[in-house]
Structure formats: C-alpha cells, structure tokens
N, C-alpha and C. Protein backbone atom coordinates (compact mmCIF):
# COMPACT_ATOMS: atom_id res chain seq x y z
N MET A 1 29.33 110.71 -38.67
CA MET A 1 30.48 111.42 -39.17
C MET A 1 31.60 111.28 -38.14
N HIS A 2 32.79 110.99 -38.61
CA HIS A 2 33.96 110.86 -37.75
C HIS A 2 35.01 111.87 -38.21
N LEU A 3 35.45 112.71 -37.30
CA LEU A 3 36.47 113.70 -37.62
C LEU A 3 37.70 113.44 -36.77
N ASP A 4 38.85 113.31 -37.41
CA ASP A 4 40.12 113.14 -36.70
C ASP A 4 40.77 114.51 -36.60
N VAL A 5 40.74 115.10 -35.40
CA VAL A 5 41.27 116.43 -35.22
C VAL A 5 42.72 116.44 -34.75
N ASN A 6 43.33 115.28 -34.68
CA ASN A 6 44.72 115.19 -34.22
C ASN A 6 45.68 115.96 -35.11
N GLU A 7 45.33 116.13 -36.37
CA GLU A 7 46.22 116.82 -37.30
C GLU A 7 45.91 118.31 -37.40
N LEU A 8 44.87 118.78 -36.73
CA LEU A 8 44.53 120.19 -36.80
C LEU A 8 45.48 121.02 -35.95
N GLU A 9 45.87 122.16 -36.49
CA GLU A 9 46.74 123.08 -35.77
C GLU A 9 45.88 124.17 -35.13
N PRO A 10 46.24 124.62 -33.93
CA PRO A 10 45.49 125.73 -33.33
C PRO A 10 45.48 126.94 -34.27
N GLN A 11 44.38 127.66 -34.26
CA GLN A 11 44.19 128.82 -35.13
C GLN A 11 44.19 130.09 -34.29
N ILE A 12 44.52 131.20 -34.93
CA ILE A 12 44.51 132.48 -34.26
C ILE A 12 43.87 133.52 -35.19
N ALA A 13 43.01 134.36 -34.60
CA ALA A 13 42.40 135.44 -35.38
C ALA A 13 43.37 136.62 -35.38
N CYS A 14 43.61 137.16 -36.54
CA CYS A 14 44.56 138.27 -36.69
C CYS A 14 43.79 139.55 -36.98
N PRO A 15 44.46 140.70 -36.79
CA PRO A 15 43.77 141.97 -37.04
C PRO A 15 43.34 142.05 -38.51
N HIS A 16 42.40 142.72 -38.75
CA HIS A 16 41.43 143.47 -37.97
C HIS A 16 40.05 142.87 -38.12
N ASN A 17 40.00 141.59 -38.31
CA ASN A 17 38.72 140.93 -38.56
C ASN A 17 38.80 139.50 -38.01
N VAL A 18 37.77 139.07 -37.32
CA VAL A 18 37.78 137.71 -36.77
C VAL A 18 37.81 136.64 -37.86
N ASP A 19 37.48 137.03 -39.10
CA ASP A 19 37.57 136.08 -40.21
C ASP A 19 38.99 135.95 -40.74
N ASN A 20 39.90 136.79 -40.27
CA ASN A 20 41.31 136.73 -40.68
C ASN A 20 42.02 135.73 -39.76
N VAL A 21 41.81 134.45 -40.05
CA VAL A 21 42.31 133.37 -39.19
C VAL A 21 43.47 132.67 -39.87
N LYS A 22 44.52 132.40 -39.07
CA LYS A 22 45.71 131.73 -39.60
C LYS A 22 46.17 130.67 -38.62
N PRO A 23 46.85 129.63 -39.11
CA PRO A 23 47.46 128.67 -38.19
C PRO A 23 48.53 129.38 -37.34
N VAL A 24 48.67 128.97 -36.10
CA VAL A 24 49.63 129.60 -35.20
C VAL A 24 51.04 129.59 -35.80
N SER A 25 51.41 128.53 -36.50
CA SER A 25 52.76 128.45 -37.08
C SER A 25 53.04 129.57 -38.07
N GLU A 26 52.01 130.12 -38.72
CA GLU A 26 52.20 131.21 -39.69
C GLU A 26 52.51 132.54 -39.01
N VAL A 27 52.11 132.71 -37.76
CA VAL A 27 52.31 133.99 -37.08
C VAL A 27 53.27 133.88 -35.89
N GLU A 28 53.79 132.69 -35.67
CA GLU A 28 54.72 132.49 -34.55
C GLU A 28 55.90 133.44 -34.67
N GLY A 29 56.21 134.11 -33.56
CA GLY A 29 57.33 135.05 -33.53
C GLY A 29 56.94 136.47 -33.87
N THR A 30 55.70 136.69 -34.26
CA THR A 30 55.23 138.04 -34.58
C THR A 30 55.13 138.88 -33.32
N HIS A 31 55.65 140.10 -33.35
CA HIS A 31 55.54 141.02 -32.22
C HIS A 31 54.08 141.40 -32.03
N ILE A 32 53.60 141.35 -30.78
CA ILE A 32 52.23 141.74 -30.50
C ILE A 32 52.20 142.85 -29.46
N ASP A 33 51.21 143.72 -29.57
CA ASP A 33 51.03 144.83 -28.63
C ASP A 33 49.76 144.68 -27.79
N GLN A 34 48.84 143.84 -28.26
CA GLN A 34 47.56 143.72 -27.58
C GLN A 34 47.06 142.29 -27.71
N VAL A 35 46.41 141.81 -26.64
CA VAL A 35 45.88 140.45 -26.62
C VAL A 35 44.43 140.48 -26.19
N PHE A 36 43.60 139.69 -26.86
CA PHE A 36 42.20 139.52 -26.47
C PHE A 36 41.90 138.04 -26.49
N LEU A 37 41.46 137.53 -25.38
CA LEU A 37 41.09 136.11 -25.30
C LEU A 37 39.59 136.04 -25.16
N GLY A 38 38.95 135.40 -26.08
CA GLY A 38 37.50 135.29 -26.05
C GLY A 38 36.97 135.31 -27.47
N SER A 39 35.76 135.79 -27.60
CA SER A 39 35.12 135.89 -28.90
C SER A 39 34.09 137.00 -28.82
N CYS A 40 33.38 137.20 -29.91
CA CYS A 40 32.36 138.25 -29.90
C CYS A 40 31.23 137.92 -28.92
N THR A 41 31.14 136.67 -28.53
CA THR A 41 30.12 136.26 -27.55
C THR A 41 30.76 135.89 -26.22
N ASN A 42 31.99 136.35 -26.02
CA ASN A 42 32.79 136.09 -24.81
C ASN A 42 33.32 134.66 -24.80
N GLY A 43 34.45 134.52 -24.13
CA GLY A 43 35.08 133.21 -24.04
C GLY A 43 34.44 132.38 -22.94
N ARG A 44 34.62 131.08 -23.05
CA ARG A 44 34.14 130.19 -21.99
C ARG A 44 35.08 130.31 -20.80
N LEU A 45 34.54 130.11 -19.62
CA LEU A 45 35.34 130.16 -18.40
C LEU A 45 36.46 129.14 -18.46
N SER A 46 36.20 127.98 -19.05
CA SER A 46 37.25 126.96 -19.16
C SER A 46 38.40 127.45 -20.03
N ASP A 47 38.11 128.24 -21.07
CA ASP A 47 39.17 128.81 -21.91
C ASP A 47 40.03 129.79 -21.11
N LEU A 48 39.36 130.62 -20.31
CA LEU A 48 40.09 131.60 -19.50
C LEU A 48 40.95 130.90 -18.45
N ARG A 49 40.44 129.82 -17.86
CA ARG A 49 41.23 129.06 -16.88
C ARG A 49 42.44 128.42 -17.53
N THR A 50 42.27 127.88 -18.72
CA THR A 50 43.39 127.27 -19.44
C THR A 50 44.46 128.31 -19.74
N ALA A 51 44.04 129.48 -20.21
CA ALA A 51 45.00 130.55 -20.49
C ALA A 51 45.72 130.99 -19.23
N ALA A 52 45.01 131.08 -18.12
CA ALA A 52 45.62 131.48 -16.85
C ALA A 52 46.68 130.46 -16.42
N LYS A 53 46.41 129.18 -16.63
CA LYS A 53 47.39 128.14 -16.28
C LYS A 53 48.64 128.26 -17.15
N ILE A 54 48.44 128.60 -18.42
CA ILE A 54 49.57 128.72 -19.35
C ILE A 54 50.49 129.87 -18.96
N ILE A 55 49.91 131.01 -18.57
CA ILE A 55 50.75 132.18 -18.28
C ILE A 55 51.13 132.31 -16.81
N LYS A 56 50.62 131.42 -15.96
CA LYS A 56 50.94 131.49 -14.54
C LYS A 56 52.46 131.41 -14.35
N ASN A 57 52.98 132.31 -13.51
CA ASN A 57 54.41 132.37 -13.19
C ASN A 57 55.29 132.71 -14.40
N LYS A 58 54.69 133.29 -15.44
CA LYS A 58 55.46 133.72 -16.60
C LYS A 58 55.46 135.24 -16.63
N ASN A 59 56.46 135.81 -17.24
CA ASN A 59 56.54 137.26 -17.38
C ASN A 59 55.76 137.72 -18.60
N VAL A 60 54.94 138.72 -18.40
CA VAL A 60 54.21 139.34 -19.50
C VAL A 60 54.68 140.79 -19.57
N SER A 61 55.04 141.22 -20.76
CA SER A 61 55.57 142.58 -20.93
C SER A 61 54.60 143.62 -20.38
N LYS A 62 55.13 144.59 -19.69
CA LYS A 62 54.31 145.68 -19.16
C LYS A 62 53.76 146.54 -20.30
N LYS A 63 54.36 146.43 -21.49
CA LYS A 63 53.89 147.19 -22.63
C LYS A 63 52.70 146.53 -23.32
N LEU A 64 52.43 145.28 -22.98
CA LEU A 64 51.35 144.54 -23.60
C LEU A 64 50.02 144.97 -23.02
N GLU A 65 49.09 145.32 -23.88
CA GLU A 65 47.75 145.71 -23.44
C GLU A 65 46.88 144.47 -23.43
N CYS A 66 46.39 144.11 -22.25
CA CYS A 66 45.56 142.91 -22.11
C CYS A 66 44.14 143.29 -21.75
C-alpha cells in the first residue's frame, strides 16, 4: 500500500470530544482559552519538543490555560 500524505492537512481535535476533529484551516483564527498537547495516552516526547520549538521566543497570552 502506498499513501501520499503530501496533500493531507494537519488536524485538530475540538471541544468536547477527541472525535470532533477538523482541518486546521476550518478553525484558524478561532479564539482559544485552553490548550492541551497530547492524547488520551499522552503525547510523544518528539511532539512536545516540536511544539516547544514552535513557541520558543513567542508570546503566549497570560490568559491562556496550558
């Protein structure tokens, strides 16, 4: 089996169920109050490192619950 994932868009789970998944483009610009990175079985360390690199030296609202 060969899968070309180049056309796949990153997905994001929306409240209040992990099955409520949408392409990032559908929720881009939505105000958020809380962020959770991981899954019900916890995120991989590589995922957490990637996220840390993305937000390094960026401002995160003090109102955001992480």
